[in-house]
């Protein structure tokens, strides 16, 4: 593929990157014959679609994969509508371009009225092979972080103060470590086009334009805005929500959002998808005529992690209110099997281009903390993934004698693997926050708590049980896992019984956000909206935070459950969820 005038190796589907838009209609039966023209196994997962487990497309979980020079027939009923996407679940193929959008039109009247629509696929692409990227991060997890704090920044008064830098340095933690793989490796794309390509979506002034956003990147969370235009969010992960007007939204890997914009002026607007660490941006143009451009805003200052991102937000605790926590290619060719109720199509996976380039709380005294066991010595975070307090270690220098802390010795013990020694001492619900770096941007940013389902939830029963799942890691060794156990070390799935209603608490013990995705199901975020809780298939669990959702285990079979950061999943942050038939021996 060619990005900003440069060739790069890629995997295409029917000769394009992204793969062709597949347009379906709710209620039809679809048949998609996938032909693997690669020299390696491949697969396609239909992200967010409710279908039989053998059609889900995850090698080793739902089927054995598609061998080279062979084909696989996916056949399933379309049970929903909305914006979704599809991608490989084989190795690093998704990073190389094996992804594409899906639009499913409703069987009846669409509650979202619009005059024109555009699909916006955001992604990241690198001239460095994904194997080389992974290898470099295993050797040096901060290999691609070119935005570390400098002496010049200190003298200029940017970022952390000297004391805070010394404290974080003593903990051997980097507050600029927001993303693993950054603009040092990636070019950020809109529909396969780089920022200089100026991909353009057309409109006529006064039209209601529906923008269907898909984050198909491997590792990048984007902050999306169009300076001069407001969004009205109408769908999240393909599910209709009550319209909410905003100026910007954060979209995690694998999430989708549908937004309405209504430009009234005869001029161009710049669509900005800024990487969360602000090391680069995806850029496109919304304009009444081709060839027009608008000013491209500069990248904003990159965010700096705080104590809250370590699961240690003490700003609201008694006696701590005044504490300073500041330390803290286009889709022109599509597949449209909508003309008939039963439709079929063909997808051929192949090499699109073959020109590959391999270029490559120190200062805190816990001695008097009530309920905190075993306080001695200084704290070494070198073995701590991005987490917070480790076992019975401490951070010397901070006087917490007046604090009323819970007794961590009585906390539930989590099975943890080598190097994973942390549990966030104070994980908090961060679904009311806009995401890292968006706290003080001066305009309305979407938060999960803004989302309210347009229709009443299909299952409003109270959960019969609750489970905790910890997101764990060791950044220095680039190890990622659930409950300290990586996928290759776990032999038993997470079990559920058909039809049961379960509450799941995702607790992030790391200093990095994780987009967590469950296959074959939707869940309802517990954000205070009762029987109109927003339904999603992927949710970002913010650093040091937690997310609670309820779901109904209504799809019998084995399903993948994982972080959708590709290299985190590859490193081990994945499990199998098994929904067993009712009445089967437990």
Protein backbone atom coordinates (compact mmCIF):
# COMPACT_ATOMS: atom_id res chain seq x y z
CA UNK A 1 0.00 0.00 0.00
CA UNK A 2 1.04 3.63 -0.51
CA UNK A 3 0.78 6.03 2.45
CA UNK A 4 1.69 9.69 2.03
CA UNK A 5 3.58 8.75 -1.14
CA UNK A 6 5.57 5.90 0.41
CA UNK A 7 5.13 2.19 -0.22
CA UNK A 8 4.77 -0.19 2.67
CA UNK A 9 4.07 -3.89 3.08
CA UNK A 10 0.45 -4.76 3.76
CA UNK A 11 -2.14 -7.51 3.71
CA UNK A 12 -5.17 -6.61 1.64
CA UNK A 13 -8.63 -8.08 1.18
CA UNK A 14 -9.82 -8.04 -2.43
CA UNK A 15 -6.82 -5.84 -3.13
CA UNK A 16 -7.60 -2.99 -0.74
CA UNK A 17 -6.54 -1.66 2.65
CA UNK A 18 -8.79 -1.25 4.53
CA UNK A 19 -10.74 -4.27 3.35
CA UNK A 20 -13.94 -3.51 1.41
CA UNK A 21 -16.97 -2.16 3.20
CA UNK A 22 -19.46 -5.00 3.72
CA UNK A 23 -23.04 -3.75 3.77
CA UNK A 24 -25.72 -6.05 5.15
CA UNK A 25 -29.35 -5.84 6.24
CA UNK A 26 -30.78 -7.00 9.53
CA UNK A 27 -32.67 -10.28 9.15
CA UNK A 28 -30.88 -11.63 6.10
CA UNK A 29 -28.77 -14.79 5.93
CA UNK A 30 -25.25 -13.99 4.79
CA UNK A 31 -22.67 -16.26 3.16
CA UNK A 32 -19.11 -15.00 2.90
CA UNK A 33 -16.55 -17.27 1.25
CA UNK A 34 -13.08 -16.32 2.45
CA UNK A 35 -10.18 -17.45 0.23
CA UNK A 36 -6.74 -17.35 1.79
CA UNK A 37 -4.15 -16.42 -0.84
CA UNK A 38 -1.43 -15.91 1.76
CA UNK A 39 1.41 -18.31 2.51
CA UNK A 40 0.29 -18.57 6.12
CA UNK A 41 -2.88 -19.35 8.04
CA UNK A 42 -5.46 -16.59 8.25
CA UNK A 43 -8.94 -15.89 9.62
CA UNK A 44 -11.69 -13.29 9.83
CA UNK A 45 -13.46 -12.33 13.04
CA UNK A 46 -16.73 -10.42 12.65
CA UNK A 47 -16.26 -7.95 15.49
CA UNK A 48 -19.42 -7.27 17.48
CA UNK A 49 -21.66 -9.57 15.45
CA UNK A 50 -23.88 -12.05 17.26
CA UNK A 51 -23.40 -15.37 15.47
CA UNK A 52 -22.77 -19.09 16.11
CA UNK A 53 -19.41 -19.72 17.83
CA UNK A 54 -18.04 -21.73 14.89
CA UNK A 55 -18.51 -18.61 12.73
CA UNK A 56 -16.66 -16.26 15.13
CA UNK A 57 -13.31 -16.70 13.40
CA UNK A 58 -10.81 -17.12 16.26
CA UNK A 59 -8.23 -19.86 15.55
CA UNK A 60 -7.84 -22.23 18.46
CA UNK A 61 -11.11 -21.12 20.03
CA UNK A 62 -13.93 -21.31 17.49
CA UNK A 63 -12.21 -23.03 14.54
CA UNK A 64 -8.79 -24.12 13.32
CA UNK A 65 -8.17 -21.21 10.96
CA UNK A 66 -7.96 -20.97 7.19
CA UNK A 67 -4.96 -22.74 5.71
CA UNK A 68 -2.94 -21.22 2.85
CA UNK A 69 -4.57 -21.70 -0.58
CA UNK A 70 -7.83 -22.83 1.01
CA UNK A 71 -11.18 -21.27 1.80
CA UNK A 72 -13.75 -21.13 4.57
CA UNK A 73 -17.45 -20.41 4.22
CA UNK A 74 -18.87 -18.14 6.89
CA UNK A 75 -22.65 -18.42 7.01
CA UNK A 76 -24.85 -16.85 9.66
CA UNK A 77 -28.06 -14.88 10.17
CA UNK A 78 -27.78 -11.12 10.69
CA UNK A 79 -29.43 -10.46 14.03
CA UNK A 80 -28.66 -6.76 14.53
CA UNK A 81 -27.98 -3.45 12.85
CA UNK A 82 -25.37 -0.73 13.26
CA UNK A 83 -21.69 -0.05 12.59
CA UNK A 84 -19.21 -2.88 13.11
CA UNK A 85 -15.99 -4.17 11.57
CA UNK A 86 -14.05 -7.32 10.69
CA UNK A 87 -10.41 -8.27 11.05
CA UNK A 88 -7.93 -11.11 11.20
CA UNK A 89 -7.47 -12.93 14.49
CA UNK A 90 -4.29 -14.63 13.24
CA UNK A 91 -0.91 -13.42 14.49
CA UNK A 92 -0.17 -9.79 13.64
CA UNK A 93 -2.16 -9.68 10.36
CA UNK A 94 -4.53 -7.05 11.68
CA UNK A 95 -1.57 -4.65 12.10
CA UNK A 96 -0.67 -5.17 8.44
CA UNK A 97 -4.03 -4.04 7.07
CA UNK A 98 -6.33 -7.05 7.44
CA UNK A 99 -9.38 -5.11 8.68
CA UNK A 100 -12.49 -3.53 7.20
CA UNK A 101 -15.85 -1.95 8.12
CA UNK A 102 -19.33 -3.46 8.28
CA UNK A 103 -22.56 -1.47 8.08
CA UNK A 104 -25.83 -3.27 8.82
CA UNK A 105 -29.00 -1.43 7.88
CA UNK A 106 -32.03 -1.94 10.16
CA UNK A 107 -34.90 -4.12 9.03
CA UNK A 108 -37.34 -1.32 9.82
CA UNK A 109 -37.08 2.44 10.06
CA UNK A 110 -33.75 3.77 11.20
CA UNK A 111 -34.25 6.05 14.23
CA UNK A 112 -31.23 8.04 13.07
CA UNK A 113 -32.16 10.41 10.27
CA UNK A 114 -29.40 11.59 7.95
CA UNK A 115 -28.89 12.89 4.41
CA UNK A 116 -25.44 11.49 3.70
CA UNK A 117 -23.02 9.12 5.41
CA UNK A 118 -19.32 8.36 5.45
CA UNK A 119 -17.45 5.49 7.07
CA UNK A 120 -14.32 6.67 8.89
CA UNK A 121 -11.87 3.84 9.61
CA UNK A 122 -9.07 5.01 11.89
CA UNK A 123 -5.94 2.86 12.04
CA UNK A 124 -2.18 2.81 12.53
CA UNK A 125 0.44 1.45 10.16
CA UNK A 126 4.20 1.02 10.35
CA UNK A 127 7.01 0.31 7.89
CA UNK A 128 8.52 -1.80 10.68
CA UNK A 129 7.27 -5.38 10.72
CA UNK A 130 4.95 -6.18 13.64
CA UNK A 131 7.31 -8.97 14.72
CA UNK A 132 10.13 -6.42 14.98
CA UNK A 133 7.90 -4.00 16.91
CA UNK A 134 6.98 -6.72 19.39
CA UNK A 135 10.57 -7.85 19.77
CA UNK A 136 11.80 -4.31 20.43
CA UNK A 137 9.18 -3.75 23.12
CA UNK A 138 10.07 -7.04 24.80
CA UNK A 139 13.70 -5.88 24.96
CA UNK A 140 12.86 -2.28 25.92
CA UNK A 141 9.23 -1.53 26.67
CA UNK A 142 9.79 2.22 26.23
CA UNK A 143 11.58 1.82 22.90
CA UNK A 144 9.08 3.98 20.99
CA UNK A 145 8.54 6.65 23.64
CA UNK A 146 10.26 9.72 22.20
CA UNK A 147 8.37 12.11 24.49
CA UNK A 148 10.13 11.58 27.80
CA UNK A 149 10.70 14.56 30.05
CA UNK A 150 13.89 16.55 29.46
CA UNK A 151 15.98 19.12 31.29
CA UNK A 152 14.82 21.73 28.79
CA UNK A 153 11.23 20.92 29.67
CA UNK A 154 11.99 21.27 33.36
CA UNK A 155 13.65 24.65 32.88
CA UNK A 156 10.71 25.80 30.75
CA UNK A 157 8.24 24.80 33.49
CA UNK A 158 6.60 22.07 31.44
CA UNK A 159 5.37 18.75 32.79
CA UNK A 160 6.38 17.68 36.29
CA UNK A 161 8.16 19.78 38.87
CA UNK A 162 11.66 18.76 39.96
CA UNK A 163 10.44 17.12 43.19
CA UNK A 164 7.83 15.11 41.36
CA UNK A 165 10.36 14.00 38.76
CA UNK A 166 12.69 12.85 41.50
CA UNK A 167 9.87 11.01 43.25
CA UNK A 168 8.72 9.22 40.07
CA UNK A 169 12.35 8.50 39.18
CA UNK A 170 12.87 6.89 42.58
CA UNK A 171 9.88 4.67 41.81
CA UNK A 172 11.42 3.90 38.41
CA UNK A 173 8.17 4.93 36.73
CA UNK A 174 7.71 7.11 33.66
CA UNK A 175 4.69 9.46 33.69
CA UNK A 176 4.98 9.94 29.92
CA UNK A 177 4.46 6.23 29.27
CA UNK A 178 0.94 6.62 27.87
CA UNK A 179 1.21 4.38 24.79
CA UNK A 180 3.48 1.44 24.00
CA UNK A 181 3.73 2.02 20.26
CA UNK A 182 3.67 5.65 19.18
CA UNK A 183 4.12 8.00 16.26
CA UNK A 184 7.79 7.01 16.33
CA UNK A 185 6.69 3.78 14.66
CA UNK A 186 3.28 4.61 13.23
CA UNK A 187 1.59 6.71 10.62
CA UNK A 188 -2.04 7.26 11.59
CA UNK A 189 -4.57 6.62 8.85
CA UNK A 190 -8.10 7.53 7.80
CA UNK A 191 -9.50 4.89 5.44
CA UNK A 192 -5.97 3.81 4.56
CA UNK A 193 -4.71 7.34 3.88
CA UNK A 194 -2.02 9.22 5.76
CA UNK A 195 -2.31 12.82 7.01
CA UNK A 196 -0.69 14.23 3.86
CA UNK A 197 -3.06 12.31 1.56
CA UNK A 198 -6.00 14.50 2.65
CA UNK A 199 -8.78 11.92 2.34
CA UNK A 200 -11.96 13.95 1.85
CA UNK A 201 -15.59 13.34 2.73
CA UNK A 202 -18.06 15.52 0.84
CA UNK A 203 -21.20 17.28 2.07
CA UNK A 204 -23.64 19.95 0.96
CA UNK A 205 -24.18 22.79 3.45
CA UNK A 206 -27.16 22.07 5.70
CA UNK A 207 -27.02 18.29 5.27
CA UNK A 208 -27.14 15.96 8.26
CA UNK A 209 -24.01 13.88 7.72
CA UNK A 210 -23.64 10.57 9.53
CA UNK A 211 -20.03 9.67 10.27
CA UNK A 212 -19.51 6.02 11.20
CA UNK A 213 -16.24 5.87 13.14
CA UNK A 214 -14.37 2.57 13.53
CA UNK A 215 -11.11 2.33 15.46
CA UNK A 216 -9.40 -0.50 13.60
CA UNK A 217 -5.92 0.29 14.88
CA UNK A 218 -3.62 -2.23 16.48
CA UNK A 219 -2.50 -0.12 19.44
CA UNK A 220 -3.84 3.44 19.25
CA UNK A 221 -6.55 5.17 21.21
CA UNK A 222 -7.71 8.26 19.30
CA UNK A 223 -9.17 11.56 20.47
CA UNK A 224 -11.50 12.69 17.70
CA UNK A 225 -12.75 16.21 16.94
CA UNK A 226 -13.66 18.50 14.05
CA UNK A 227 -12.75 22.09 14.98
CA UNK A 228 -15.74 24.30 14.23
CA UNK A 229 -18.32 21.49 14.28
CA UNK A 230 -20.09 19.66 17.10
CA UNK A 231 -20.90 15.97 17.07
CA UNK A 232 -24.21 14.42 18.06
CA UNK A 233 -23.41 10.86 19.16
CA UNK A 234 -26.23 8.51 18.13
CA UNK A 235 -24.64 5.05 18.34
CA UNK A 236 -21.95 3.33 20.39
CA UNK A 237 -20.66 -0.08 19.29
CA UNK A 238 -23.56 -0.37 16.86
CA UNK A 239 -26.22 0.22 19.54
CA UNK A 240 -28.52 3.24 19.38
CA UNK A 241 -28.14 5.74 22.21
CA UNK A 242 -30.06 8.85 23.14
CA UNK A 243 -28.45 11.68 21.15
CA UNK A 244 -25.80 13.57 23.07
CA UNK A 245 -24.08 16.69 21.73
CA UNK A 246 -20.33 16.91 22.28
CA UNK A 247 -17.18 18.48 20.84
CA UNK A 248 -14.77 15.57 21.13
CA UNK A 249 -14.70 11.88 22.00
CA UNK A 250 -12.11 9.27 22.82
CA UNK A 251 -12.40 6.02 20.88
CA UNK A 252 -10.51 2.95 22.05
CA UNK A 253 -9.21 0.20 19.80
CA UNK A 254 -12.17 -1.85 18.46
CA UNK A 255 -14.87 0.63 19.53
CA UNK A 256 -17.26 2.26 17.07
CA UNK A 257 -19.23 5.49 17.35
CA UNK A 258 -21.79 7.00 14.99
CA UNK A 259 -22.04 10.77 15.01
CA UNK A 260 -24.14 13.34 13.18
CA UNK A 261 -22.61 16.63 12.05
CA UNK A 262 -24.49 19.41 10.28
CA UNK A 263 -22.10 21.82 8.59
CA UNK A 264 -23.98 24.90 7.43
CA UNK A 265 -21.12 26.88 5.89
CA UNK A 266 -19.66 26.43 2.43
CA UNK A 267 -16.18 25.67 3.68
CA UNK A 268 -13.88 22.81 4.60
CA UNK A 269 -13.37 21.35 8.07
CA UNK A 270 -10.47 19.26 9.35
CA UNK A 271 -11.26 15.93 10.97
CA UNK A 272 -8.61 15.18 13.60
CA UNK A 273 -7.90 11.78 15.15
CA UNK A 274 -5.16 12.63 17.61
CA UNK A 275 -3.24 9.72 19.14
CA UNK A 276 -3.81 9.61 22.91
CA UNK A 277 -0.12 10.30 23.58
CA UNK A 278 -0.22 13.05 20.95
CA UNK A 279 2.71 11.67 19.03
CA UNK A 280 0.82 12.09 15.77
CA UNK A 281 -2.62 12.33 14.21
CA UNK A 282 -4.89 10.84 11.62
CA UNK A 283 -6.27 13.66 9.49
CA UNK A 284 -8.98 14.00 6.88
CA UNK A 285 -11.17 16.75 5.47
CA UNK A 286 -14.93 17.29 5.42
CA UNK A 287 -15.70 19.63 2.56
CA UNK A 288 -18.36 20.67 0.03
CA UNK A 289 -15.94 20.07 -2.86
CA UNK A 290 -12.94 17.86 -3.52
CA UNK A 291 -9.53 19.48 -3.22
CA UNK A 292 -10.48 21.84 -0.40
CA UNK A 293 -8.54 21.95 2.85
CA UNK A 294 -8.87 23.58 6.24
CA UNK A 295 -6.24 24.54 8.82
CA UNK A 296 -4.79 21.54 10.64
CA UNK A 297 -4.49 22.24 14.37
CA UNK A 298 -1.13 21.53 15.97
CA UNK A 299 -0.73 18.57 18.27
CA UNK A 300 -1.64 19.46 21.83
CA UNK A 301 0.80 18.87 24.73
CA UNK A 302 0.98 15.19 25.59
CA UNK A 303 -0.62 14.01 28.84
CA UNK A 304 1.30 13.17 31.97
CA UNK A 305 0.25 10.29 34.22
CA UNK A 306 -0.79 11.09 37.78
CA UNK A 307 -1.22 9.20 41.03
CA UNK A 308 -4.81 8.47 39.99
CA UNK A 309 -3.41 6.46 37.09
CA UNK A 310 -1.67 4.27 39.67
CA UNK A 311 -4.97 3.59 41.41
CA UNK A 312 -3.92 5.96 44.18
CA UNK A 313 -6.27 8.94 43.99
CA UNK A 314 -6.23 10.45 47.46
CA UNK A 315 -7.60 13.89 46.59
CA UNK A 316 -11.03 13.12 48.06
CA UNK A 317 -9.84 11.45 51.24
CA UNK A 318 -10.20 12.99 54.67
CA UNK A 319 -7.21 15.17 55.38
CA UNK A 320 -5.99 14.99 51.77
CA UNK A 321 -8.31 17.49 50.08
CA UNK A 322 -5.57 20.05 49.59
CA UNK A 323 -2.92 17.64 48.42
CA UNK A 324 -1.35 18.48 45.05
CA UNK A 325 -1.85 15.45 42.81
CA UNK A 326 -0.63 17.20 39.69
CA UNK A 327 2.34 14.91 39.47
CA UNK A 328 0.86 13.14 38.31
CA UNK A 329 -7.62 3.04 0.50
CA UNK A 330 -10.48 4.61 0.54
CA UNK A 331 -13.75 2.76 0.68
CA UNK A 332 -14.80 3.44 -2.85
CA UNK A 333 -15.22 -0.26 -3.65
CA UNK A 334 -17.50 -2.18 -1.36
CA UNK A 335 -19.34 -5.45 -1.00
CA UNK A 336 -23.08 -4.86 -0.72
CA UNK A 337 -25.04 -8.10 -0.25
CA UNK A 338 -28.25 -6.23 0.62
CA UNK A 339 -30.20 -6.55 -2.58
CA UNK A 340 -31.66 -9.93 -1.63
CA UNK A 341 -32.75 -11.41 1.66
CA UNK A 342 -30.17 -14.17 1.23
CA UNK A 343 -26.88 -12.79 0.03
CA UNK A 344 -23.41 -14.13 -0.67
CA UNK A 345 -20.05 -12.63 -1.40
CA UNK A 346 -16.40 -13.54 -1.82
CA UNK A 347 -13.37 -12.20 0.03
CA UNK A 348 -9.82 -12.95 -1.05
CA UNK A 349 -7.02 -12.27 1.39
CA UNK A 350 -3.74 -11.45 -0.30
CA UNK A 351 -0.63 -9.34 -0.32
CA UNK A 352 -1.44 -5.75 -1.28
CA UNK A 353 2.16 -4.59 -1.48
CA UNK A 354 5.56 -6.12 -0.91
CA UNK A 355 7.94 -3.28 -0.22
CA UNK A 356 8.77 -3.78 3.46
CA UNK A 357 11.17 -1.62 5.42
CA UNK A 358 12.73 -3.07 8.59
CA UNK A 359 14.08 0.23 9.90
CA UNK A 360 13.95 -0.04 11.86
CA UNK A 361 5.07 8.15 45.51
CA UNK A 362 8.58 8.40 46.74
CA UNK A 363 8.84 11.20 49.32
CA UNK A 364 5.88 9.68 51.17
CA UNK A 365 6.00 8.17 54.66
CA UNK A 366 3.62 5.31 55.28
CA UNK A 367 5.04 4.47 58.67
CA UNK A 368 1.89 5.49 60.51
CA UNK A 369 -0.68 4.36 57.97
CA UNK A 370 -3.61 2.71 59.73
CA UNK A 371 -4.30 -0.76 58.42
CA UNK A 372 -1.32 -0.82 56.05
CA UNK A 373 0.71 -3.95 56.80
CA UNK A 374 4.49 -4.11 57.00
CA UNK A 375 5.91 -0.69 56.22
CA UNK A 376 9.67 -0.76 55.77
CA UNK A 377 12.16 0.56 53.27
CA UNK A 378 11.66 2.38 50.02
CA UNK A 379 9.52 1.15 47.20
CA UNK A 380 11.01 -0.32 44.05
CA UNK A 381 8.54 -0.37 41.19
CA UNK A 382 10.91 -2.07 38.80
CA UNK A 383 8.89 -5.27 39.06
CA UNK A 384 5.51 -3.65 39.09
CA UNK A 385 3.86 -3.47 35.70
CA UNK A 386 2.07 -0.18 35.70
CA UNK A 387 0.42 -0.91 39.02
CA UNK A 388 0.28 0.74 42.37
CA UNK A 389 1.29 -0.58 45.79
CA UNK A 390 3.05 -3.93 45.77
CA UNK A 391 2.35 -6.42 48.52
CA UNK A 392 3.50 -4.95 51.82
CA UNK A 393 6.04 -2.53 50.38
CA UNK A 394 5.81 1.22 50.89
CA UNK A 395 6.69 4.59 49.48
CA UNK A 396 8.90 6.32 52.01
CA UNK A 397 8.45 9.99 52.78
CA UNK A 398 4.71 10.64 52.63
CA UNK A 399 3.02 11.10 55.99
CA UNK A 400 -0.26 9.23 55.92
CA UNK A 401 -0.66 8.82 59.63
CA UNK A 402 -4.03 10.57 59.62
CA UNK A 403 -5.46 8.49 56.80
CA UNK A 404 -8.06 5.83 57.34
CA UNK A 405 -6.96 3.17 54.89
CA UNK A 406 -8.55 -0.22 54.33
CA UNK A 407 -6.60 -3.26 55.45
CA UNK A 408 -4.98 -4.66 52.32
CA UNK A 409 -3.99 -7.82 54.16
CA UNK A 410 -7.67 -8.78 54.08
CA UNK A 411 -8.11 -8.04 50.40
CA UNK A 412 -8.96 -10.99 48.12
CA UNK A 413 -5.81 -12.62 46.85
CA UNK A 414 -5.38 -12.68 43.10
CA UNK A 415 -3.34 -15.36 41.38
CA UNK A 416 -0.39 -13.53 39.93
CA UNK A 417 2.43 -14.65 37.71
CA UNK A 418 6.10 -13.67 37.73
CA UNK A 419 6.72 -9.95 37.99
CA UNK A 420 3.05 -9.11 38.58
CA UNK A 421 3.06 -7.99 42.17
CA UNK A 422 0.53 -5.20 42.32
CA UNK A 423 -3.06 -4.54 43.14
CA UNK A 424 -4.40 -0.98 42.81
CA UNK A 425 -5.07 0.04 46.41
CA UNK A 426 -7.86 2.43 45.50
CA UNK A 427 -9.29 1.57 42.06
CA UNK A 428 -12.15 3.87 41.19
CA UNK A 429 -14.91 4.10 38.64
CA UNK A 430 -13.57 6.43 35.94
CA UNK A 431 -16.49 6.10 33.49
CA UNK A 432 -17.41 9.71 34.26
CA UNK A 433 -14.00 10.94 33.05
CA UNK A 434 -13.13 11.86 29.44
CA UNK A 435 -9.80 10.00 29.28
CA UNK A 436 -6.15 10.87 29.69
CA UNK A 437 -5.24 14.36 28.50
CA UNK A 438 -8.84 15.47 27.92
CA UNK A 439 -9.66 16.77 31.39
CA UNK A 440 -9.04 20.47 30.67
CA UNK A 441 -9.48 20.96 26.94
CA UNK A 442 -12.15 23.63 27.39
CA UNK A 443 -15.02 21.93 25.61
CA UNK A 444 -17.45 19.03 26.08
CA UNK A 445 -15.84 15.59 25.78
CA UNK A 446 -17.93 12.42 25.74
CA UNK A 447 -17.74 10.18 28.81
CA UNK A 448 -19.24 6.71 29.19
CA UNK A 449 -21.75 8.00 31.74
CA UNK A 450 -23.23 10.24 29.01
CA UNK A 451 -24.35 7.17 27.07
CA UNK A 452 -27.99 6.11 27.59
CA UNK A 453 -29.54 3.31 25.55
CA UNK A 454 -32.29 4.49 23.21
CA UNK A 455 -34.38 1.38 23.92
CA UNK A 456 -34.94 -0.56 27.12
CA UNK A 457 -32.35 -3.28 27.73
CA UNK A 458 -33.46 -6.77 26.60
CA UNK A 459 -32.59 -8.31 29.98
CA UNK A 460 -33.08 -6.23 33.12
CA UNK A 461 -32.72 -8.98 35.72
CA UNK A 462 -30.38 -8.32 38.62
CA UNK A 463 -27.13 -10.31 38.42
CA UNK A 464 -27.11 -13.58 40.37
CA UNK A 465 -23.39 -13.37 41.05
CA UNK A 466 -20.39 -11.09 40.64
CA UNK A 467 -16.80 -11.75 39.60
CA UNK A 468 -13.65 -9.61 39.68
CA UNK A 469 -11.13 -9.73 36.85
CA UNK A 470 -7.85 -7.86 37.33
CA UNK A 471 -5.97 -6.42 34.36
CA UNK A 472 -2.34 -7.04 35.23
CA UNK A 473 1.06 -6.42 33.71
CA UNK A 474 4.73 -5.75 34.05
CA UNK A 475 5.66 -2.92 31.74
CA UNK A 476 9.41 -3.30 32.16
CA UNK A 477 9.16 -6.85 30.84
CA UNK A 478 6.20 -6.16 28.53
CA UNK A 479 4.09 -8.85 30.19
CA UNK A 480 0.30 -8.56 30.11
CA UNK A 481 -2.35 -10.82 31.60
CA UNK A 482 -5.66 -11.25 33.40
CA UNK A 483 -5.31 -11.97 37.12
CA UNK A 484 -1.57 -12.39 36.62
CA UNK A 485 -1.94 -15.37 34.29
CA UNK A 486 -1.20 -15.09 30.60
CA UNK A 487 -3.24 -17.05 28.09
CA UNK A 488 -0.58 -19.73 27.47
CA UNK A 489 -0.45 -20.60 31.19
CA UNK A 490 -4.20 -21.01 31.69
CA UNK A 491 -5.86 -24.34 30.96
CA UNK A 492 -9.38 -23.67 32.21
CA UNK A 493 -11.83 -21.16 30.68
CA UNK A 494 -13.85 -18.64 32.65
CA UNK A 495 -17.12 -20.60 33.11
CA UNK A 496 -20.70 -19.37 32.80
CA UNK A 497 -24.03 -21.17 32.63
CA UNK A 498 -26.44 -20.51 29.78
CA UNK A 499 -28.90 -17.77 30.64
CA UNK A 500 -27.28 -16.60 33.86
CA UNK A 501 -26.94 -12.92 34.61
CA UNK A 502 -23.49 -11.96 35.88
CA UNK A 503 -21.85 -8.76 37.07
CA UNK A 504 -18.22 -8.39 35.96
CA UNK A 505 -15.85 -5.95 37.65
CA UNK A 506 -12.80 -5.13 35.54
CA UNK A 507 -10.06 -3.74 37.79
CA UNK A 508 -7.08 -2.15 36.08
CA UNK A 509 -3.92 -2.73 38.12
CA UNK A 510 -1.78 -1.06 35.45
CA UNK A 511 -0.94 2.50 34.43
CA UNK A 512 -2.23 2.06 30.90
CA UNK A 513 -5.76 2.02 29.52
CA UNK A 514 -7.00 -1.30 28.12
CA UNK A 515 -9.89 -1.73 25.64
CA UNK A 516 -11.46 -5.00 26.80
CA UNK A 517 -13.63 -6.97 24.34
CA UNK A 518 -15.84 -10.01 24.83
CA UNK A 519 -16.86 -12.07 21.80
CA UNK A 520 -20.39 -13.28 21.11
CA UNK A 521 -22.10 -11.00 23.63
CA UNK A 522 -23.01 -7.46 24.50
CA UNK A 523 -22.88 -6.16 28.05
CA UNK A 524 -24.58 -3.26 29.85
CA UNK A 525 -22.31 -0.71 31.50
CA UNK A 526 -23.28 -0.05 35.11
CA UNK A 527 -23.25 3.72 35.00
CA UNK A 528 -26.48 4.63 36.78
CA UNK A 529 -28.95 4.43 33.88
CA UNK A 530 -30.95 1.44 35.08
CA UNK A 531 -32.83 -0.42 32.35
CA UNK A 532 -31.41 1.98 29.73
CA UNK A 533 -27.78 1.20 30.47
CA UNK A 534 -25.58 1.56 27.37
CA UNK A 535 -24.85 -1.75 25.65
CA UNK A 536 -21.33 -2.32 24.32
CA UNK A 537 -18.94 -5.06 23.23
CA UNK A 538 -15.72 -3.17 24.04
CA UNK A 539 -14.88 -0.77 26.86
CA UNK A 540 -11.75 1.16 27.84
CA UNK A 541 -10.72 0.50 31.43
CA UNK A 542 -8.76 3.60 32.36
CA UNK A 543 -5.43 3.35 34.23
CA UNK A 544 -5.87 2.55 37.91
CA UNK A 545 -9.63 2.44 37.37
CA UNK A 546 -12.41 -0.06 37.20
CA UNK A 547 -15.42 -0.69 34.99
CA UNK A 548 -18.48 -2.69 36.00
CA UNK A 549 -20.82 -4.33 33.53
CA UNK A 550 -23.66 -6.81 33.60
CA UNK A 551 -24.20 -9.39 30.91
CA UNK A 552 -26.39 -12.34 30.08
CA UNK A 553 -24.51 -15.49 29.09
CA UNK A 554 -26.95 -16.35 26.30
CA UNK A 555 -24.59 -17.74 23.64
CA UNK A 556 -23.52 -21.31 24.33
CA UNK A 557 -19.96 -22.08 23.30
CA UNK A 558 -16.38 -20.93 23.76
CA UNK A 559 -15.60 -17.25 23.17
CA UNK A 560 -12.50 -15.10 23.22
CA UNK A 561 -12.16 -12.42 25.90
CA UNK A 562 -9.17 -10.10 25.59
CA UNK A 563 -7.52 -6.72 25.56
CA UNK A 564 -7.81 -5.36 22.02
CA UNK A 565 -4.35 -3.80 22.08
CA UNK A 566 -2.84 -6.29 19.65
CA UNK A 567 0.54 -6.66 21.32
CA UNK A 568 -1.04 -6.94 24.78
CA UNK A 569 -3.21 -9.78 23.53
CA UNK A 570 -0.18 -11.44 21.95
CA UNK A 571 1.74 -11.04 25.22
CA UNK A 572 -0.98 -12.87 27.14
CA UNK A 573 -3.91 -10.59 28.04
CA UNK A 574 -6.54 -13.00 26.72
CA UNK A 575 -8.76 -15.74 28.13
CA UNK A 576 -11.51 -18.04 26.89
CA UNK A 577 -15.04 -17.59 28.19
CA UNK A 578 -17.08 -20.80 28.12
CA UNK A 579 -20.88 -20.62 28.24
CA UNK A 580 -22.13 -24.10 29.14
CA UNK A 581 -25.63 -25.39 28.37
CA UNK A 582 -28.09 -25.15 31.20
CA UNK A 583 -28.21 -28.42 33.13
CA UNK A 584 -24.73 -29.54 32.08
CA UNK A 585 -22.51 -30.77 34.92
CA UNK A 586 -20.70 -27.83 36.47
